[in-house]
Protein backbone atom coordinates (compact mmCIF):
# COMPACT_ATOMS: atom_id res chain seq x y z
CA UNK A 1 -5.55 14.20 -3.55
CA UNK A 2 -2.27 15.68 -2.39
CA UNK A 3 0.82 16.18 -4.45
CA UNK A 4 2.75 13.41 -2.66
CA UNK A 5 -0.04 10.86 -3.01
CA UNK A 6 -0.32 11.62 -6.73
CA UNK A 7 3.41 11.11 -7.16
CA UNK A 8 3.19 7.93 -5.10
CA UNK A 9 0.48 6.60 -7.43
CA UNK A 10 2.57 7.40 -10.47
CA UNK A 11 5.62 5.73 -8.91
CA UNK A 12 3.55 2.66 -8.01
CA UNK A 13 2.40 2.28 -11.61
CA UNK A 14 5.93 2.68 -12.95
CA UNK A 15 7.26 0.18 -10.40
CA UNK A 16 4.67 -2.38 -11.52
CA UNK A 17 5.66 -2.00 -15.18
CA UNK A 18 9.39 -2.07 -14.39
CA UNK A 19 8.95 -5.21 -12.30
CA UNK A 20 7.30 -6.97 -15.24
CA UNK A 21 10.00 -5.78 -17.64
CA UNK A 22 12.75 -6.79 -15.22
CA UNK A 23 11.28 -10.26 -14.82
CA UNK A 24 10.98 -10.74 -18.59
CA UNK A 25 14.55 -9.57 -19.14
CA UNK A 26 15.93 -11.80 -16.40
CA UNK A 27 14.24 -14.84 -17.94
CA UNK A 28 15.63 -13.86 -21.33
CA UNK A 29 19.17 -13.38 -19.98
CA UNK A 30 19.12 -16.61 -17.96
CA UNK A 31 18.13 -18.59 -21.04
CA UNK A 32 21.80 -18.42 -22.12
CA UNK A 33 23.18 -19.12 -18.63
CA UNK A 34 24.23 -22.64 -17.68
CA UNK A 35 21.59 -23.49 -15.09
CA UNK A 36 22.26 -27.14 -14.42
CA UNK A 37 22.47 -27.74 -10.69
CA UNK A 38 20.91 -24.37 -9.85
CA UNK A 39 17.41 -23.64 -8.65
CA UNK A 40 15.98 -21.38 -11.38
CA UNK A 41 13.83 -19.35 -8.99
CA UNK A 42 16.85 -18.74 -6.78
CA UNK A 43 18.84 -17.49 -9.78
CA UNK A 44 15.99 -15.13 -10.67
CA UNK A 45 15.89 -13.77 -7.13
CA UNK A 46 19.66 -13.24 -7.03
CA UNK A 47 19.73 -11.43 -10.37
CA UNK A 48 16.71 -9.32 -9.38
CA UNK A 49 18.35 -8.26 -6.11
CA UNK A 50 21.68 -7.50 -7.80
CA UNK A 51 19.96 -5.45 -10.49
CA UNK A 52 17.92 -3.39 -8.05
CA UNK A 53 21.00 -2.83 -5.87
CA UNK A 54 22.98 -1.59 -8.86
CA UNK A 55 20.16 0.74 -9.88
CA UNK A 56 19.87 2.07 -6.33
CA UNK A 57 23.63 2.66 -6.12
CA UNK A 58 23.59 4.56 -9.41
CA UNK A 59 20.77 6.73 -8.10
CA UNK A 60 22.70 7.42 -4.89
CA UNK A 61 25.78 8.40 -6.90
CA UNK A 62 23.71 10.92 -8.87
CA UNK A 63 22.65 12.54 -5.60
CA UNK A 64 26.28 12.77 -4.44
CA UNK A 65 27.21 15.14 -7.29
């Protein structure tokens, strides 16, 4: 197995764990959010996308230094 495919496997495993942790944390955070009139799944999707975007932007800023 090549170096890149090994790293890809490691990244895939980490992504799976982070996705589970992210989902758990979003549910926990939304428990205190007034949800009446909102579709809960939509809220989860919005928060997930915002979170990943913020993480991506932070990573990009690290590369700009």
